[in-house]
Amino acid sequence: PAAALRAPKTAQSLPKALAVDDAITLANYASERVAQCRGLAQTLALRDAAIVELLYGSGLRLGELLALDAVVTAQTEQEGRGWVDLQAAEVHVMGKGSKRRTTPVGAKSLQALQAYLAQRSALLKPHQADEAALFLGARGGRLGKAALWQMLRALSLASGLPVHVHAHVLRHSFASHVLQSSGDLRAVQELLGHANIGTTQIYTRLD
């Protein structure tokens, strides 16, 4: 008897995004924390500040950020990794569907990246002198997803934010804030690398 009935549609959950002030609080805390550290801890703090700025400033996915190399090589492109062009203020990534895209890098992100790159060699081990990864872990290898998740969670708690921040929250915040300030949905679609603008339209409900 229920064969002709249609089940009700489930409500579409909205992406979680930070308020502008909360995003700035997190970025400022990550930057100010650098001065409180010394030695290897300071290098890691510089790395963390650069990661927060790049995730929020360019709207990268978690995998896209972790796949960034410090220097672009033929192997970088062949293996589908990305890189940051400091001169052009652009980040090149391989997104979903093996589609490459280029996203602008803001002045704050460039400043944080340059500060980290100046000390990045402190994280390299002797047997990893040619490690290609831009963001390195404390042991010298490419930073992993779990370590990044824990770092962002710890930063958000220490900064006093009422929510636990993860990489996608910063991506959602980027998209929401750019859309609020520009009203250009098509541009946000291109910046995020969405194949379908319908995916991007959900951010209009956050505004």
Protein backbone atom coordinates (compact mmCIF):
# COMPACT_ATOMS: atom_id res chain seq x y z
CA PRO A 1 0.00 0.00 0.00
CA ALA A 2 2.92 2.40 0.45
CA ALA A 3 4.51 1.71 -2.95
CA ALA A 4 3.24 4.99 -4.44
CA LEU A 5 4.29 7.14 -1.48
CA ARG A 6 7.33 9.38 -1.69
CA ALA A 7 9.53 9.71 1.33
CA PRO A 8 10.08 13.27 2.57
CA LYS A 9 13.37 14.84 1.59
CA THR A 10 15.88 15.17 4.39
CA ALA A 11 16.95 18.70 5.16
CA GLN A 12 20.27 19.66 3.58
CA SER A 13 22.78 20.46 6.28
CA LEU A 14 24.61 23.75 5.89
CA PRO A 15 28.41 23.82 5.85
CA LYS A 16 29.93 25.05 9.09
CA ALA A 17 31.73 28.35 8.67
CA LEU A 18 33.34 30.71 11.16
CA ALA A 19 32.26 34.29 11.60
CA VAL A 20 34.75 36.74 10.10
CA ASP A 21 35.91 37.87 13.55
CA ASP A 22 36.47 34.26 14.66
CA ALA A 23 38.52 33.46 11.55
CA ILE A 24 40.68 36.53 12.15
CA THR A 25 41.04 35.59 15.84
CA LEU A 26 42.36 32.15 14.88
CA ALA A 27 44.80 33.52 12.28
CA ASN A 28 46.07 36.22 14.66
CA TYR A 29 46.53 33.72 17.49
CA ALA A 30 48.52 31.37 15.25
CA SER A 31 50.75 34.28 14.20
CA GLU A 32 51.24 35.69 17.71
CA ARG A 33 52.09 32.23 19.05
CA VAL A 34 55.32 32.23 17.02
CA ALA A 35 56.93 34.84 19.28
CA GLN A 36 56.23 32.67 22.34
CA CYS A 37 58.18 29.68 20.98
CA ARG A 38 61.85 28.89 20.53
CA GLY A 39 63.90 26.45 18.48
CA LEU A 40 62.03 23.65 16.74
CA ALA A 41 58.77 24.67 18.41
CA GLN A 42 59.03 28.07 16.72
CA THR A 43 59.54 26.47 13.30
CA LEU A 44 56.43 24.35 13.88
CA ALA A 45 54.51 27.45 14.99
CA LEU A 46 55.57 29.24 11.79
CA ARG A 47 54.35 26.24 9.81
CA ASP A 48 51.02 26.23 11.63
CA ALA A 49 50.49 29.95 11.03
CA ALA A 50 51.22 29.49 7.31
CA ILE A 51 48.77 26.58 7.12
CA VAL A 52 45.94 28.56 8.75
CA GLU A 53 46.54 31.53 6.46
CA LEU A 54 46.62 29.35 3.33
CA LEU A 55 43.54 27.29 4.24
CA TYR A 56 41.48 30.37 5.06
CA GLY A 57 43.04 32.71 2.50
CA SER A 58 42.88 30.40 -0.53
CA GLY A 59 40.13 27.92 0.34
CA LEU A 60 42.20 24.79 -0.22
CA ARG A 61 40.97 21.30 0.58
CA LEU A 62 42.86 19.31 3.19
CA GLY A 63 44.38 16.95 0.61
CA GLU A 64 45.34 19.82 -1.68
CA LEU A 65 47.25 21.58 1.08
CA LEU A 66 49.08 18.46 2.25
CA ALA A 67 50.08 17.63 -1.34
CA LEU A 68 51.88 20.94 -1.87
CA ASP A 69 55.60 20.77 -2.67
CA ALA A 70 58.14 23.38 -1.65
CA VAL A 71 59.53 23.62 -5.20
CA VAL A 72 57.81 22.66 -8.44
CA THR A 73 59.52 19.90 -10.41
CA ALA A 74 58.55 17.60 -13.26
CA GLN A 75 57.84 14.93 -10.65
CA THR A 76 55.54 17.34 -8.79
CA GLU A 77 53.33 17.74 -11.85
CA GLN A 78 53.60 14.09 -12.89
CA GLU A 79 52.41 12.85 -9.49
CA GLY A 80 49.58 15.37 -9.27
CA ARG A 81 50.96 17.50 -6.48
CA GLY A 82 50.74 21.28 -6.18
CA TRP A 83 53.04 24.17 -5.34
CA VAL A 84 53.00 27.83 -4.34
CA ASP A 85 54.37 30.44 -6.74
CA LEU A 86 55.48 33.19 -4.37
CA GLN A 87 56.43 35.59 -7.18
CA ALA A 88 53.01 35.35 -8.86
CA ALA A 89 51.17 35.08 -5.50
CA GLU A 90 49.36 31.95 -6.69
CA VAL A 91 48.89 28.39 -5.48
CA HIS A 92 48.54 25.59 -8.02
CA VAL A 93 46.71 22.46 -6.88
CA MET A 94 45.29 19.25 -8.28
CA GLY A 95 41.66 19.14 -7.24
CA LYS A 96 38.90 16.57 -7.49
CA GLY A 97 38.58 14.81 -10.82
CA SER A 98 42.29 15.39 -11.50
CA LYS A 99 41.55 19.00 -12.43
CA ARG A 100 44.24 21.58 -11.88
CA ARG A 101 43.31 25.04 -10.71
CA THR A 102 45.13 28.19 -9.68
CA THR A 103 44.01 30.25 -6.70
CA PRO A 104 45.32 33.64 -5.53
CA VAL A 105 47.45 33.82 -2.39
CA GLY A 106 46.91 36.90 -0.24
CA ALA A 107 49.56 39.13 1.29
CA LYS A 108 49.10 37.68 4.80
CA SER A 109 49.51 34.15 3.46
CA LEU A 110 52.63 35.11 1.49
CA GLN A 111 54.17 36.72 4.56
CA ALA A 112 53.46 33.65 6.69
CA LEU A 113 54.78 31.27 4.02
CA GLN A 114 58.01 33.23 3.58
CA ALA A 115 58.61 33.25 7.34
CA TYR A 116 58.07 29.49 7.49
CA LEU A 117 60.21 28.73 4.44
CA ALA A 118 63.09 30.68 6.00
CA GLN A 119 63.17 28.08 8.81
CA ARG A 120 61.71 25.02 7.06
CA SER A 121 65.16 23.39 6.77
CA ALA A 122 65.18 22.94 10.57
CA LEU A 123 62.52 20.23 10.14
CA LEU A 124 64.51 18.26 7.54
CA LYS A 125 66.47 15.24 8.70
CA PRO A 126 69.91 14.41 7.22
CA HIS A 127 68.50 11.47 5.22
CA GLN A 128 65.60 13.62 4.00
CA ALA A 129 67.59 16.55 2.65
CA ASP A 130 65.63 16.45 -0.61
CA GLU A 131 62.17 16.05 0.94
CA ALA A 132 59.81 17.78 -1.48
CA ALA A 133 56.87 18.45 0.84
CA LEU A 134 56.10 22.08 1.64
CA PHE A 135 54.63 21.32 5.05
CA LEU A 136 56.73 18.94 7.13
CA GLY A 137 55.98 17.15 10.37
CA ALA A 138 58.18 17.16 13.46
CA ARG A 139 59.90 13.99 12.19
CA GLY A 140 60.82 15.52 8.85
CA GLY A 141 58.30 13.79 6.57
CA ARG A 142 55.27 15.20 4.79
CA LEU A 143 52.67 16.39 7.30
CA GLY A 144 49.80 13.91 7.66
CA LYS A 145 46.04 14.39 7.96
CA ALA A 146 45.82 13.30 11.60
CA ALA A 147 48.61 15.65 12.69
CA LEU A 148 47.01 18.56 10.85
CA TRP A 149 43.60 17.79 12.37
CA GLN A 150 45.10 17.72 15.88
CA MET A 151 47.04 20.94 15.28
CA LEU A 152 43.96 22.88 14.12
CA ARG A 153 41.89 21.53 16.99
CA ALA A 154 44.52 22.57 19.53
CA LEU A 155 44.88 26.03 17.98
CA SER A 156 41.13 26.66 17.95
CA LEU A 157 40.81 25.62 21.60
CA ALA A 158 43.80 27.70 22.69
CA SER A 159 42.55 30.76 20.80
CA GLY A 160 39.26 30.62 22.72
CA LEU A 161 36.97 29.86 19.79
CA PRO A 162 33.67 28.18 20.75
CA VAL A 163 34.07 25.47 18.06
CA HIS A 164 36.70 22.94 17.02
CA VAL A 165 38.14 24.07 13.70
CA HIS A 166 39.19 21.66 10.98
CA ALA A 167 40.45 22.26 7.44
CA HIS A 168 37.03 22.17 5.80
CA VAL A 169 35.64 24.72 8.27
CA LEU A 170 38.30 27.15 7.04
CA ARG A 171 37.46 26.32 3.41
CA HIS A 172 33.78 26.94 4.11
CA SER A 173 34.67 30.18 5.87
CA PHE A 174 36.73 31.31 2.88
CA ALA A 175 33.87 30.60 0.47
CA SER A 176 31.23 32.22 2.66
CA HIS A 177 33.24 35.38 3.33
CA VAL A 178 34.28 35.86 -0.31
CA LEU A 179 30.67 35.45 -1.41
CA GLN A 180 29.45 37.90 1.23
CA SER A 181 31.96 40.55 0.17
CA SER A 182 31.72 40.08 -3.60
CA GLY A 183 28.34 38.51 -4.36
CA ASP A 184 30.05 36.70 -7.27
CA LEU A 185 28.92 33.08 -7.08
CA ARG A 186 30.69 32.10 -10.31
CA ALA A 187 34.03 33.38 -9.01
CA VAL A 188 33.60 31.44 -5.77
CA GLN A 189 32.86 28.32 -7.81
CA GLU A 190 36.13 28.73 -9.71
CA LEU A 191 38.14 29.46 -6.58
CA LEU A 192 36.80 26.34 -4.86
CA GLY A 193 37.15 24.14 -7.94
CA HIS A 194 33.51 23.01 -7.98
CA ALA A 195 32.48 21.30 -11.21
CA ASN A 196 28.81 22.19 -10.65
CA ILE A 197 27.68 25.63 -9.52
CA GLY A 198 24.85 23.92 -7.65
CA THR A 199 27.45 22.76 -5.14
CA THR A 200 28.55 26.35 -4.60
CA GLN A 201 25.00 27.69 -4.22
CA ILE A 202 24.71 26.23 -0.73
CA TYR A 203 26.91 29.10 0.48
CA THR A 204 24.18 31.56 -0.49
CA ARG A 205 22.13 30.09 2.36
CA LEU A 206 24.86 31.00 4.84
CA ASP A 207 24.72 34.66 3.86
